[in-house]
Amino acid sequence: MHELPVIDSILKIVLRHAVENNVSRVVAIHLQVGEMSDLEDIWMQQYFDHLSKGGIADGAVLKIERTPVVLKCSDCGMSYAVNIKETPSYECPGCGSDKNTMVSGREYFIKHLEAI
């Protein structure tokens, strides 16, 4: 259910931009969502459908692209992608350190809209 406030926020942004640009209908919303964001595609679309019902974004499709998890080693500075579903540890492939910070993987944002 944590998708609901996220989708509500996204819809508000979409509607604001649609009004500012005299859009008649929003057809699709392209989203960038990090692999570790815990947002489920199916629930995002279902909540969007519910919240947008009857408005100019009613029937719009969420096109979701996942951003990989990228870490940066605190010891050697190397940035590297991690497959969170297959990798049991997040050691740096350059120096073997387990000290790292996340560069990407938790974010979500609107890339662009398709509208008429």
PDB file of N, CA and C in Angstrom:
ATOM      1  N   MET A   1       0.815  -1.199   0.000  1.00  0.00           N
ATOM      2  CA  MET A   1       0.000   0.000   0.000  1.00  0.00           C
ATOM      3  C   MET A   1       0.856   1.260   0.000  1.00  0.00           C
ATOM      4  N   HIS A   2       2.156   1.115   0.152  1.00  0.00           N
ATOM      5  CA  HIS A   2       3.021   2.290   0.117  1.00  0.00           C
ATOM      6  C   HIS A   2       3.083   2.915  -1.271  1.00  0.00           C
ATOM      7  N   GLU A   3       2.551   2.230  -2.296  1.00  0.00           N
ATOM      8  CA  GLU A   3       2.492   2.791  -3.638  1.00  0.00           C
ATOM      9  C   GLU A   3       1.487   3.940  -3.730  1.00  0.00           C
ATOM     10  N   LEU A   4       0.437   3.895  -2.908  1.00  0.00           N
ATOM     11  CA  LEU A   4      -0.644   4.886  -3.007  1.00  0.00           C
ATOM     12  C   LEU A   4      -0.156   6.325  -2.854  1.00  0.00           C
ATOM     13  N   PRO A   5       0.576   6.692  -1.804  1.00  0.00           N
ATOM     14  CA  PRO A   5       1.012   8.090  -1.708  1.00  0.00           C
ATOM     15  C   PRO A   5       1.995   8.488  -2.813  1.00  0.00           C
ATOM     16  N   VAL A   6       2.794   7.553  -3.270  1.00  0.00           N
ATOM     17  CA  VAL A   6       3.728   7.837  -4.360  1.00  0.00           C
ATOM     18  C   VAL A   6       2.955   8.140  -5.636  1.00  0.00           C
ATOM     19  N   ILE A   7       1.986   7.287  -5.946  1.00  0.00           N
ATOM     20  CA  ILE A   7       1.185   7.479  -7.159  1.00  0.00           C
ATOM     21  C   ILE A   7       0.344   8.750  -7.060  1.00  0.00           C
ATOM     22  N   ASP A   8      -0.166   9.039  -5.886  1.00  0.00           N
ATOM     23  CA  ASP A   8      -0.931  10.280  -5.692  1.00  0.00           C
ATOM     24  C   ASP A   8      -0.050  11.490  -6.006  1.00  0.00           C
ATOM     25  N   SER A   9       1.174  11.472  -5.536  1.00  0.00           N
ATOM     26  CA  SER A   9       2.113  12.554  -5.798  1.00  0.00           C
ATOM     27  C   SER A   9       2.446  12.651  -7.290  1.00  0.00           C
ATOM     28  N   ILE A  10       2.683  11.517  -7.924  1.00  0.00           N
ATOM     29  CA  ILE A  10       2.974  11.498  -9.365  1.00  0.00           C
ATOM     30  C   ILE A  10       1.799  12.042 -10.157  1.00  0.00           C
ATOM     31  N   LEU A  11       0.590  11.623  -9.813  1.00  0.00           N
ATOM     32  CA  LEU A  11      -0.601  12.093 -10.522  1.00  0.00           C
ATOM     33  C   LEU A  11      -0.758  13.610 -10.374  1.00  0.00           C
ATOM     34  N   LYS A  12      -0.522  14.135  -9.201  1.00  0.00           N
ATOM     35  CA  LYS A  12      -0.631  15.587  -8.997  1.00  0.00           C
ATOM     36  C   LYS A  12       0.357  16.344  -9.879  1.00  0.00           C
ATOM     37  N   ILE A  13       1.568  15.828  -9.986  1.00  0.00           N
ATOM     38  CA  ILE A  13       2.581  16.459 -10.849  1.00  0.00           C
ATOM     39  C   ILE A  13       2.145  16.389 -12.312  1.00  0.00           C
ATOM     40  N   VAL A  14       1.673  15.217 -12.730  1.00  0.00           N
ATOM     41  CA  VAL A  14       1.210  15.028 -14.111  1.00  0.00           C
ATOM     42  C   VAL A  14       0.072  15.992 -14.432  1.00  0.00           C
ATOM     43  N   LEU A  15      -0.900  16.083 -13.538  1.00  0.00           N
ATOM     44  CA  LEU A  15      -2.049  16.958 -13.785  1.00  0.00           C
ATOM     45  C   LEU A  15      -1.640  18.427 -13.826  1.00  0.00           C
ATOM     46  N   ARG A  16      -0.722  18.821 -12.958  1.00  0.00           N
ATOM     47  CA  ARG A  16      -0.248  20.205 -12.962  1.00  0.00           C
ATOM     48  C   ARG A  16       0.410  20.550 -14.302  1.00  0.00           C
ATOM     49  N   HIS A  17       1.272  19.655 -14.779  1.00  0.00           N
ATOM     50  CA  HIS A  17       1.936  19.894 -16.064  1.00  0.00           C
ATOM     51  C   HIS A  17       0.952  19.831 -17.232  1.00  0.00           C
ATOM     52  N   ALA A  18      -0.027  18.960 -17.130  1.00  0.00           N
ATOM     53  CA  ALA A  18      -1.036  18.857 -18.188  1.00  0.00           C
ATOM     54  C   ALA A  18      -1.827  20.150 -18.300  1.00  0.00           C
ATOM     55  N   VAL A  19      -2.242  20.703 -17.186  1.00  0.00           N
ATOM     56  CA  VAL A  19      -3.005  21.959 -17.192  1.00  0.00           C
ATOM     57  C   VAL A  19      -2.145  23.103 -17.718  1.00  0.00           C
ATOM     58  N   GLU A  20      -0.889  23.176 -17.259  1.00  0.00           N
ATOM     59  CA  GLU A  20       0.019  24.240 -17.699  1.00  0.00           C
ATOM     60  C   GLU A  20       0.267  24.207 -19.205  1.00  0.00           C
ATOM     61  N   ASN A  21       0.149  23.019 -19.812  1.00  0.00           N
ATOM     62  CA  ASN A  21       0.443  22.854 -21.232  1.00  0.00           C
ATOM     63  C   ASN A  21      -0.800  22.592 -22.086  1.00  0.00           C
ATOM     64  N   ASN A  22      -1.979  22.894 -21.540  1.00  0.00           N
ATOM     65  CA  ASN A  22      -3.248  22.754 -22.255  1.00  0.00           C
ATOM     66  C   ASN A  22      -3.444  21.361 -22.869  1.00  0.00           C
ATOM     67  N   VAL A  23      -3.152  20.343 -22.103  1.00  0.00           N
ATOM     68  CA  VAL A  23      -3.292  18.958 -22.552  1.00  0.00           C
ATOM     69  C   VAL A  23      -4.747  18.531 -22.426  1.00  0.00           C
ATOM     70  N   SER A  24      -5.255  17.858 -23.457  1.00  0.00           N
ATOM     71  CA  SER A  24      -6.622  17.343 -23.427  1.00  0.00           C
ATOM     72  C   SER A  24      -6.683  15.996 -22.724  1.00  0.00           C
ATOM     73  N   ARG A  25      -5.651  15.185 -22.974  1.00  0.00           N
ATOM     74  CA  ARG A  25      -5.660  13.823 -22.430  1.00  0.00           C
ATOM     75  C   ARG A  25      -4.231  13.332 -22.264  1.00  0.00           C
ATOM     76  N   VAL A  26      -3.954  12.710 -21.116  1.00  0.00           N
ATOM     77  CA  VAL A  26      -2.658  12.074 -20.867  1.00  0.00           C
ATOM     78  C   VAL A  26      -2.795  10.623 -21.303  1.00  0.00           C
ATOM     79  N   VAL A  27      -1.906  10.186 -22.180  1.00  0.00           N
ATOM     80  CA  VAL A  27      -1.968   8.832 -22.734  1.00  0.00           C
ATOM     81  C   VAL A  27      -1.049   7.874 -21.973  1.00  0.00           C
ATOM     82  N   ALA A  28       0.169   8.341 -21.649  1.00  0.00           N
ATOM     83  CA  ALA A  28       1.135   7.487 -20.951  1.00  0.00           C
ATOM     84  C   ALA A  28       2.065   8.343 -20.107  1.00  0.00           C
ATOM     85  N   ILE A  29       2.546   7.739 -19.042  1.00  0.00           N
ATOM     86  CA  ILE A  29       3.518   8.382 -18.168  1.00  0.00           C
ATOM     87  C   ILE A  29       4.714   7.446 -18.070  1.00  0.00           C
ATOM     88  N   HIS A  30       5.872   7.945 -18.478  1.00  0.00           N
ATOM     89  CA  HIS A  30       7.096   7.154 -18.421  1.00  0.00           C
ATOM     90  C   HIS A  30       7.783   7.447 -17.093  1.00  0.00           C
ATOM     91  N   LEU A  31       7.955   6.396 -16.308  1.00  0.00           N
ATOM     92  CA  LEU A  31       8.566   6.533 -14.985  1.00  0.00           C
ATOM     93  C   LEU A  31       9.902   5.810 -14.928  1.00  0.00           C
ATOM     94  N   GLN A  32      10.816   6.371 -14.154  1.00  0.00           N
ATOM     95  CA  GLN A  32      12.093   5.727 -13.848  1.00  0.00           C
ATOM     96  C   GLN A  32      11.991   5.330 -12.382  1.00  0.00           C
ATOM     97  N   VAL A  33      12.114   4.037 -12.099  1.00  0.00           N
ATOM     98  CA  VAL A  33      11.948   3.539 -10.733  1.00  0.00           C
ATOM     99  C   VAL A  33      13.134   2.645 -10.380  1.00  0.00           C
ATOM    100  N   GLY A  34      13.769   2.919  -9.264  1.00  0.00           N
ATOM    101  CA  GLY A  34      14.921   2.142  -8.816  1.00  0.00           C
ATOM    102  C   GLY A  34      14.542   0.728  -8.413  1.00  0.00           C
ATOM    103  N   GLU A  35      15.457  -0.202  -8.672  1.00  0.00           N
ATOM    104  CA  GLU A  35      15.245  -1.617  -8.344  1.00  0.00           C
ATOM    105  C   GLU A  35      14.958  -1.848  -6.855  1.00  0.00           C
ATOM    106  N   MET A  36      15.492  -1.005  -5.987  1.00  0.00           N
ATOM    107  CA  MET A  36      15.298  -1.195  -4.546  1.00  0.00           C
ATOM    108  C   MET A  36      14.190  -0.325  -3.967  1.00  0.00           C
ATOM    109  N   SER A  37      13.360   0.243  -4.815  1.00  0.00           N
ATOM    110  CA  SER A  37      12.340   1.165  -4.326  1.00  0.00           C
ATOM    111  C   SER A  37      11.170   0.476  -3.642  1.00  0.00           C
ATOM    112  N   ASP A  38      11.019  -0.830  -3.806  1.00  0.00           N
ATOM    113  CA  ASP A  38       9.904  -1.596  -3.233  1.00  0.00           C
ATOM    114  C   ASP A  38       8.552  -1.238  -3.839  1.00  0.00           C
ATOM    115  N   LEU A  39       8.537  -0.494  -4.928  1.00  0.00           N
ATOM    116  CA  LEU A  39       7.282  -0.167  -5.608  1.00  0.00           C
ATOM    117  C   LEU A  39       7.003  -1.247  -6.641  1.00  0.00           C
ATOM    118  N   GLU A  40       5.818  -1.842  -6.563  1.00  0.00           N
ATOM    119  CA  GLU A  40       5.428  -2.918  -7.470  1.00  0.00           C
ATOM    120  C   GLU A  40       4.659  -2.337  -8.656  1.00  0.00           C
ATOM    121  N   ASP A  41       5.082  -2.718  -9.864  1.00  0.00           N
ATOM    122  CA  ASP A  41       4.489  -2.183 -11.091  1.00  0.00           C
ATOM    123  C   ASP A  41       2.969  -2.352 -11.129  1.00  0.00           C
ATOM    124  N   ILE A  42       2.500  -3.534 -10.813  1.00  0.00           N
ATOM    125  CA  ILE A  42       1.054  -3.812 -10.913  1.00  0.00           C
ATOM    126  C   ILE A  42       0.253  -2.933  -9.951  1.00  0.00           C
ATOM    127  N   TRP A  43       0.764  -2.736  -8.736  1.00  0.00           N
ATOM    128  CA  TRP A  43       0.050  -1.906  -7.766  1.00  0.00           C
ATOM    129  C   TRP A  43       0.128  -0.434  -8.151  1.00  0.00           C
ATOM    130  N   MET A  44       1.247  -0.031  -8.720  1.00  0.00           N
ATOM    131  CA  MET A  44       1.357   1.355  -9.165  1.00  0.00           C
ATOM    132  C   MET A  44       0.294   1.651 -10.215  1.00  0.00           C
ATOM    133  N   GLN A  45       0.134   0.754 -11.190  1.00  0.00           N
ATOM    134  CA  GLN A  45      -0.861   0.968 -12.245  1.00  0.00           C
ATOM    135  C   GLN A  45      -2.277   0.920 -11.672  1.00  0.00           C
ATOM    136  N   GLN A  46      -2.544  -0.030 -10.769  1.00  0.00           N
ATOM    137  CA  GLN A  46      -3.895  -0.137 -10.200  1.00  0.00           C
ATOM    138  C   GLN A  46      -4.265   1.107  -9.395  1.00  0.00           C
ATOM    139  N   TYR A  47      -3.331   1.604  -8.591  1.00  0.00           N
ATOM    140  CA  TYR A  47      -3.613   2.822  -7.830  1.00  0.00           C
ATOM    141  C   TYR A  47      -3.761   4.023  -8.759  1.00  0.00           C
ATOM    142  N   PHE A  48      -2.938   4.065  -9.803  1.00  0.00           N
ATOM    143  CA  PHE A  48      -3.054   5.160 -10.762  1.00  0.00           C
ATOM    144  C   PHE A  48      -4.425   5.131 -11.424  1.00  0.00           C
ATOM    145  N   ASP A  49      -4.868   3.951 -11.851  1.00  0.00           N
ATOM    146  CA  ASP A  49      -6.184   3.813 -12.479  1.00  0.00           C
ATOM    147  C   ASP A  49      -7.290   4.305 -11.553  1.00  0.00           C
ATOM    148  N   HIS A  50      -7.195   3.949 -10.292  1.00  0.00           N
ATOM    149  CA  HIS A  50      -8.206   4.349  -9.307  1.00  0.00           C
ATOM    150  C   HIS A  50      -8.199   5.864  -9.095  1.00  0.00           C
ATOM    151  N   LEU A  51      -7.010   6.432  -8.895  1.00  0.00           N
ATOM    152  CA  LEU A  51      -6.915   7.855  -8.587  1.00  0.00           C
ATOM    153  C   LEU A  51      -7.208   8.752  -9.787  1.00  0.00           C
ATOM    154  N   SER A  52      -6.940   8.275 -10.994  1.00  0.00           N
ATOM    155  CA  SER A  52      -7.115   9.118 -12.183  1.00  0.00           C
ATOM    156  C   SER A  52      -8.493   8.987 -12.824  1.00  0.00           C
ATOM    157  N   LYS A  53      -9.320   8.105 -12.302  1.00  0.00           N
ATOM    158  CA  LYS A  53     -10.636   7.831 -12.889  1.00  0.00           C
ATOM    159  C   LYS A  53     -11.453   9.116 -13.048  1.00  0.00           C
ATOM    160  N   GLY A  54     -11.938   9.324 -14.282  1.00  0.00           N
ATOM    161  CA  GLY A  54     -12.785  10.469 -14.566  1.00  0.00           C
ATOM    162  C   GLY A  54     -12.042  11.743 -14.928  1.00  0.00           C
ATOM    163  N   GLY A  55     -10.730  11.733 -14.865  1.00  0.00           N
ATOM    164  CA  GLY A  55      -9.950  12.926 -15.177  1.00  0.00           C
ATOM    165  C   GLY A  55      -9.236  12.801 -16.519  1.00  0.00           C
ATOM    166  N   ILE A  56      -8.387  13.765 -16.833  1.00  0.00           N
ATOM    167  CA  ILE A  56      -7.709  13.756 -18.131  1.00  0.00           C
ATOM    168  C   ILE A  56      -6.629  12.674 -18.228  1.00  0.00           C
ATOM    169  N   ALA A  57      -6.285  12.057 -17.110  1.00  0.00           N
ATOM    170  CA  ALA A  57      -5.304  10.970 -17.134  1.00  0.00           C
ATOM    171  C   ALA A  57      -5.969   9.595 -17.024  1.00  0.00           C
ATOM    172  N   ASP A  58      -7.294   9.584 -17.052  1.00  0.00           N
ATOM    173  CA  ASP A  58      -8.028   8.316 -16.970  1.00  0.00           C
ATOM    174  C   ASP A  58      -7.637   7.429 -18.153  1.00  0.00           C
ATOM    175  N   GLY A  59      -7.229   6.210 -17.879  1.00  0.00           N
ATOM    176  CA  GLY A  59      -6.843   5.273 -18.923  1.00  0.00           C
ATOM    177  C   GLY A  59      -5.382   5.355 -19.335  1.00  0.00           C
ATOM    178  N   ALA A  60      -4.627   6.286 -18.770  1.00  0.00           N
ATOM    179  CA  ALA A  60      -3.206   6.414 -19.110  1.00  0.00           C
ATOM    180  C   ALA A  60      -2.439   5.203 -18.595  1.00  0.00           C
ATOM    181  N   VAL A  61      -1.404   4.852 -19.327  1.00  0.00           N
ATOM    182  CA  VAL A  61      -0.580   3.696 -18.989  1.00  0.00           C
ATOM    183  C   VAL A  61       0.716   4.173 -18.355  1.00  0.00           C
ATOM    184  N   LEU A  62       1.098   3.510 -17.276  1.00  0.00           N
ATOM    185  CA  LEU A  62       2.401   3.777 -16.671  1.00  0.00           C
ATOM    186  C   LEU A  62       3.429   2.890 -17.356  1.00  0.00           C
ATOM    187  N   LYS A  63       4.426   3.505 -17.957  1.00  0.00           N
ATOM    188  CA  LYS A  63       5.511   2.759 -18.594  1.00  0.00           C
ATOM    189  C   LYS A  63       6.715   2.880 -17.674  1.00  0.00           C
ATOM    190  N   ILE A  64       7.019   1.772 -17.005  1.00  0.00           N
ATOM    191  CA  ILE A  64       7.998   1.793 -15.929  1.00  0.00           C
ATOM    192  C   ILE A  64       9.318   1.174 -16.376  1.00  0.00           C
ATOM    193  N   GLU A  65      10.366   1.955 -16.216  1.00  0.00           N
ATOM    194  CA  GLU A  65      11.718   1.490 -16.501  1.00  0.00           C
ATOM    195  C   GLU A  65      12.455   1.407 -15.164  1.00  0.00           C
ATOM    196  N   ARG A  66      13.098   0.298 -14.916  1.00  0.00           N
ATOM    197  CA  ARG A  66      13.815   0.100 -13.659  1.00  0.00           C
ATOM    198  C   ARG A  66      15.267   0.571 -13.755  1.00  0.00           C
ATOM    199  N   THR A  67      15.691   1.316 -12.745  1.00  0.00           N
ATOM    200  CA  THR A  67      17.069   1.766 -12.642  1.00  0.00           C
ATOM    201  C   THR A  67      17.842   0.743 -11.825  1.00  0.00           C
ATOM    202  N   PRO A  68      18.986   0.287 -12.323  1.00  0.00           N
ATOM    203  CA  PRO A  68      19.761  -0.684 -11.551  1.00  0.00           C
ATOM    204  C   PRO A  68      20.354  -0.065 -10.285  1.00  0.00           C
ATOM    205  N   VAL A  69      20.668  -0.925  -9.349  1.00  0.00           N
ATOM    206  CA  VAL A  69      21.334  -0.489  -8.130  1.00  0.00           C
ATOM    207  C   VAL A  69      22.806  -0.258  -8.480  1.00  0.00           C
ATOM    208  N   VAL A  70      23.283   0.951  -8.224  1.00  0.00           N
ATOM    209  CA  VAL A  70      24.687   1.282  -8.442  1.00  0.00           C
ATOM    210  C   VAL A  70      25.268   1.742  -7.111  1.00  0.00           C
ATOM    211  N   LEU A  71      26.374   1.129  -6.747  1.00  0.00           N
ATOM    212  CA  LEU A  71      27.072   1.467  -5.515  1.00  0.00           C
ATOM    213  C   LEU A  71      28.406   2.113  -5.846  1.00  0.00           C
ATOM    214  N   LYS A  72      28.909   2.908  -4.906  1.00  0.00           N
ATOM    215  CA  LYS A  72      30.238   3.498  -5.045  1.00  0.00           C
ATOM    216  C   LYS A  72      31.059   3.081  -3.835  1.00  0.00           C
ATOM    217  N   CYS A  73      32.219   2.519  -4.103  1.00  0.00           N
ATOM    218  CA  CYS A  73      33.107   2.042  -3.053  1.00  0.00           C
ATOM    219  C   CYS A  73      33.679   3.227  -2.271  1.00  0.00           C
ATOM    220  N   SER A  74      33.573   3.158  -0.970  1.00  0.00           N
ATOM    221  CA  SER A  74      34.098   4.216  -0.116  1.00  0.00           C
ATOM    222  C   SER A  74      35.623   4.169  -0.019  1.00  0.00           C
ATOM    223  N   ASP A  75      36.211   3.026  -0.323  1.00  0.00           N
ATOM    224  CA  ASP A  75      37.667   2.892  -0.224  1.00  0.00           C
ATOM    225  C   ASP A  75      38.386   3.289  -1.512  1.00  0.00           C
ATOM    226  N   CYS A  76      37.986   2.725  -2.651  1.00  0.00           N
ATOM    227  CA  CYS A  76      38.716   3.001  -3.902  1.00  0.00           C
ATOM    228  C   CYS A  76      37.977   3.945  -4.844  1.00  0.00           C
ATOM    229  N   GLY A  77      36.695   4.236  -4.574  1.00  0.00           N
ATOM    230  CA  GLY A  77      35.942   5.178  -5.397  1.00  0.00           C
ATOM    231  C   GLY A  77      35.287   4.584  -6.633  1.00  0.00           C
ATOM    232  N   MET A  78      35.429   3.280  -6.845  1.00  0.00           N
ATOM    233  CA  MET A  78      34.845   2.638  -8.021  1.00  0.00           C
ATOM    234  C   MET A  78      33.318   2.576  -7.898  1.00  0.00           C
ATOM    235  N   SER A  79      32.610   2.880  -8.985  1.00  0.00           N
ATOM    236  CA  SER A  79      31.153   2.705  -9.036  1.00  0.00           C
ATOM    237  C   SER A  79      30.858   1.417  -9.787  1.00  0.00           C
ATOM    238  N   TYR A  80      29.874   0.661  -9.289  1.00  0.00           N
ATOM    239  CA  TYR A  80      29.554  -0.622  -9.907  1.00  0.00           C
ATOM    240  C   TYR A  80      28.089  -0.969  -9.689  1.00  0.00           C
ATOM    241  N   ALA A  81      27.514  -1.631 -10.710  1.00  0.00           N
ATOM    242  CA  ALA A  81      26.120  -2.071 -10.641  1.00  0.00           C
ATOM    243  C   ALA A  81      26.040  -3.393  -9.901  1.00  0.00           C
ATOM    244  N   VAL A  82      24.939  -3.585  -9.189  1.00  0.00           N
ATOM    245  CA  VAL A  82      24.716  -4.797  -8.412  1.00  0.00           C
ATOM    246  C   VAL A  82      23.357  -5.367  -8.785  1.00  0.00           C
ATOM    247  N   ASN A  83      23.314  -6.639  -9.102  1.00  0.00           N
ATOM    248  CA  ASN A  83      22.038  -7.310  -9.330  1.00  0.00           C
ATOM    249  C   ASN A  83      21.543  -7.799  -7.973  1.00  0.00           C
ATOM    250  N   ILE A  84      20.574  -7.102  -7.409  1.00  0.00           N
ATOM    251  CA  ILE A  84      20.133  -7.401  -6.047  1.00  0.00           C
ATOM    252  C   ILE A  84      19.441  -8.752  -5.921  1.00  0.00           C
ATOM    253  N   LYS A  85      18.982  -9.301  -7.039  1.00  0.00           N
ATOM    254  CA  LYS A  85      18.307 -10.592  -7.000  1.00  0.00           C
ATOM    255  C   LYS A  85      19.293 -11.755  -7.040  1.00  0.00           C
ATOM    256  N   GLU A  86      20.505 -11.513  -7.517  1.00  0.00           N
ATOM    257  CA  GLU A  86      21.481 -12.588  -7.676  1.00  0.00           C
ATOM    258  C   GLU A  86      22.717 -12.447  -6.807  1.00  0.00           C
ATOM    259  N   THR A  87      23.001 -11.254  -6.312  1.00  0.00           N
ATOM    260  CA  THR A  87      24.228 -11.010  -5.581  1.00  0.00           C
ATOM    261  C   THR A  87      23.983 -11.059  -4.080  1.00  0.00           C
ATOM    262  N   PRO A  88      24.611 -12.010  -3.377  1.00  0.00           N
ATOM    263  CA  PRO A  88      24.407 -12.105  -1.936  1.00  0.00           C
ATOM    264  C   PRO A  88      25.153 -11.026  -1.153  1.00  0.00           C
ATOM    265  N   SER A  89      26.263 -10.502  -1.708  1.00  0.00           N
ATOM    266  CA  SER A  89      27.008  -9.457  -1.019  1.00  0.00           C
ATOM    267  C   SER A  89      27.305  -8.331  -1.996  1.00  0.00           C
ATOM    268  N   TYR A  90      27.641  -7.202  -1.444  1.00  0.00           N
ATOM    269  CA  TYR A  90      27.868  -6.025  -2.275  1.00  0.00           C
ATOM    270  C   TYR A  90      29.323  -5.569  -2.203  1.00  0.00           C
ATOM    271  N   GLU A  91      30.238  -6.511  -2.269  1.00  0.00           N
ATOM    272  CA  GLU A  91      31.653  -6.170  -2.216  1.00  0.00           C
ATOM    273  C   GLU A  91      32.101  -5.514  -3.512  1.00  0.00           C
ATOM    274  N   CYS A  92      33.014  -4.579  -3.386  1.00  0.00           N
ATOM    275  CA  CYS A  92      33.555  -3.878  -4.549  1.00  0.00           C
ATOM    276  C   CYS A  92      34.337  -4.850  -5.426  1.00  0.00           C
ATOM    277  N   PRO A  93      34.040  -4.895  -6.720  1.00  0.00           N
ATOM    278  CA  PRO A  93      34.790  -5.781  -7.609  1.00  0.00           C
ATOM    279  C   PRO A  93      36.228  -5.304  -7.834  1.00  0.00           C
ATOM    280  N   GLY A  94      36.506  -4.041  -7.507  1.00  0.00           N
ATOM    281  CA  GLY A  94      37.842  -3.497  -7.692  1.00  0.00           C
ATOM    282  C   GLY A  94      38.794  -3.824  -6.557  1.00  0.00           C
ATOM    283  N   CYS A  95      38.323  -3.625  -5.311  1.00  0.00           N
ATOM    284  CA  CYS A  95      39.228  -3.807  -4.163  1.00  0.00           C
ATOM    285  C   CYS A  95      38.709  -4.792  -3.116  1.00  0.00           C
ATOM    286  N   GLY A  96      37.473  -5.247  -3.256  1.00  0.00           N
ATOM    287  CA  GLY A  96      36.915  -6.219  -2.315  1.00  0.00           C
ATOM    288  C   GLY A  96      36.307  -5.621  -1.061  1.00  0.00           C
ATOM    289  N   SER A  97      36.328  -4.310  -0.936  1.00  0.00           N
ATOM    290  CA  SER A  97      35.769  -3.654   0.244  1.00  0.00           C
ATOM    291  C   SER A  97      34.251  -3.803   0.291  1.00  0.00           C
ATOM    292  N   ASP A  98      33.716  -3.861   1.508  1.00  0.00           N
ATOM    293  CA  ASP A  98      32.264  -3.896   1.652  1.00  0.00           C
ATOM    294  C   ASP A  98      31.716  -2.539   2.113  1.00  0.00           C
ATOM    295  N   LYS A  99      32.561  -1.530   2.092  1.00  0.00           N
ATOM    296  CA  LYS A  99      32.151  -0.172   2.455  1.00  0.00           C
ATOM    297  C   LYS A  99      31.736   0.548   1.177  1.00  0.00           C
ATOM    298  N   ASN A 100      30.438   0.890   1.099  1.00  0.00           N
ATOM    299  CA  ASN A 100      29.944   1.533  -0.111  1.00  0.00           C
ATOM    300  C   ASN A 100      28.764   2.442   0.200  1.00  0.00           C
ATOM    301  N   THR A 101      28.445   3.288  -0.751  1.00  0.00           N
ATOM    302  CA  THR A 101      27.254   4.125  -0.664  1.00  0.00           C
ATOM    303  C   THR A 101      26.438   3.920  -1.943  1.00  0.00           C
ATOM    304  N   MET A 102      25.141   4.052  -1.813  1.00  0.00           N
ATOM    305  CA  MET A 102      24.265   3.848  -2.962  1.00  0.00           C
ATOM    306  C   MET A 102      24.215   5.119  -3.809  1.00  0.00           C
ATOM    307  N   VAL A 103      24.467   4.957  -5.096  1.00  0.00           N
ATOM    308  CA  VAL A 103      24.408   6.061  -6.051  1.00  0.00           C
ATOM    309  C   VAL A 103      23.022   6.119  -6.682  1.00  0.00           C
ATOM    310  N   SER A 104      22.470   4.963  -7.036  1.00  0.00           N
ATOM    311  CA  SER A 104      21.124   4.895  -7.588  1.00  0.00           C
ATOM    312  C   SER A 104      20.498   3.551  -7.241  1.00  0.00           C
ATOM    313  N   GLY A 105      19.171   3.509  -7.337  1.00  0.00           N
ATOM    314  CA  GLY A 105      18.461   2.267  -7.072  1.00  0.00           C
ATOM    315  C   GLY A 105      17.221   2.419  -6.216  1.00  0.00           C
ATOM    316  N   ARG A 106      17.067   3.545  -5.539  1.00  0.00           N
ATOM    317  CA  ARG A 106      15.880   3.767  -4.704  1.00  0.00           C
ATOM    318  C   ARG A 106      14.979   4.879  -5.248  1.00  0.00           C
ATOM    319  N   GLU A 107      15.421   5.570  -6.266  1.00  0.00           N
ATOM    320  CA  GLU A 107      14.716   6.759  -6.749  1.00  0.00           C
ATOM    321  C   GLU A 107      13.474   6.396  -7.571  1.00  0.00           C
ATOM    322  N   TYR A 108      12.626   7.379  -7.744  1.00  0.00           N
ATOM    323  CA  TYR A 108      11.525   7.288  -8.706  1.00  0.00           C
ATOM    324  C   TYR A 108      11.240   8.697  -9.189  1.00  0.00           C
ATOM    325  N   PHE A 109      11.044   8.808 -10.500  1.00  0.00           N
ATOM    326  CA  PHE A 109      10.718  10.108 -11.064  1.00  0.00           C
ATOM    327  C   PHE A 109      10.039   9.954 -12.410  1.00  0.00           C
ATOM    328  N   ILE A 110       9.392  11.022 -12.840  1.00  0.00           N
ATOM    329  CA  ILE A 110       8.711  11.052 -14.129  1.00  0.00           C
ATOM    330  C   ILE A 110       9.741  11.434 -15.189  1.00  0.00           C
ATOM    331  N   LYS A 111       9.925  10.576 -16.183  1.00  0.00           N
ATOM    332  CA  LYS A 111      10.847  10.896 -17.283  1.00  0.00           C
ATOM    333  C   LYS A 111      10.175  11.809 -18.291  1.00  0.00           C
ATOM    334  N   HIS A 112       8.989  11.407 -18.747  1.00  0.00           N
ATOM    335  CA  HIS A 112       8.215  12.246 -19.659  1.00  0.00           C
ATOM    336  C   HIS A 112       6.788  11.719 -19.789  1.00  0.00           C
ATOM    337  N   LEU A 113       5.970  12.537 -20.422  1.00  0.00           N
ATOM    338  CA  LEU A 113       4.549  12.214 -20.605  1.00  0.00           C
ATOM    339  C   LEU A 113       4.235  12.114 -22.083  1.00  0.00           C
ATOM    340  N   GLU A 114       3.264  11.267 -22.405  1.00  0.00           N
ATOM    341  CA  GLU A 114       2.670  11.251 -23.730  1.00  0.00           C
ATOM    342  C   GLU A 114       1.270  11.815 -23.568  1.00  0.00           C
ATOM    343  N   ALA A 115       0.973  12.841 -24.337  1.00  0.00           N
ATOM    344  CA  ALA A 115      -0.320  13.501 -24.176  1.00  0.00           C
ATOM    345  C   ALA A 115      -0.813  14.053 -25.507  1.00  0.00           C
ATOM    346  N   ILE A 116      -2.114  14.315 -25.563  1.00  0.00           N
ATOM    347  CA  ILE A 116      -2.711  14.941 -26.747  1.00  0.00           C
ATOM    348  C   ILE A 116      -3.527  16.140 -26.320  1.00  0.00           C
TER     349      ILE A 116
END
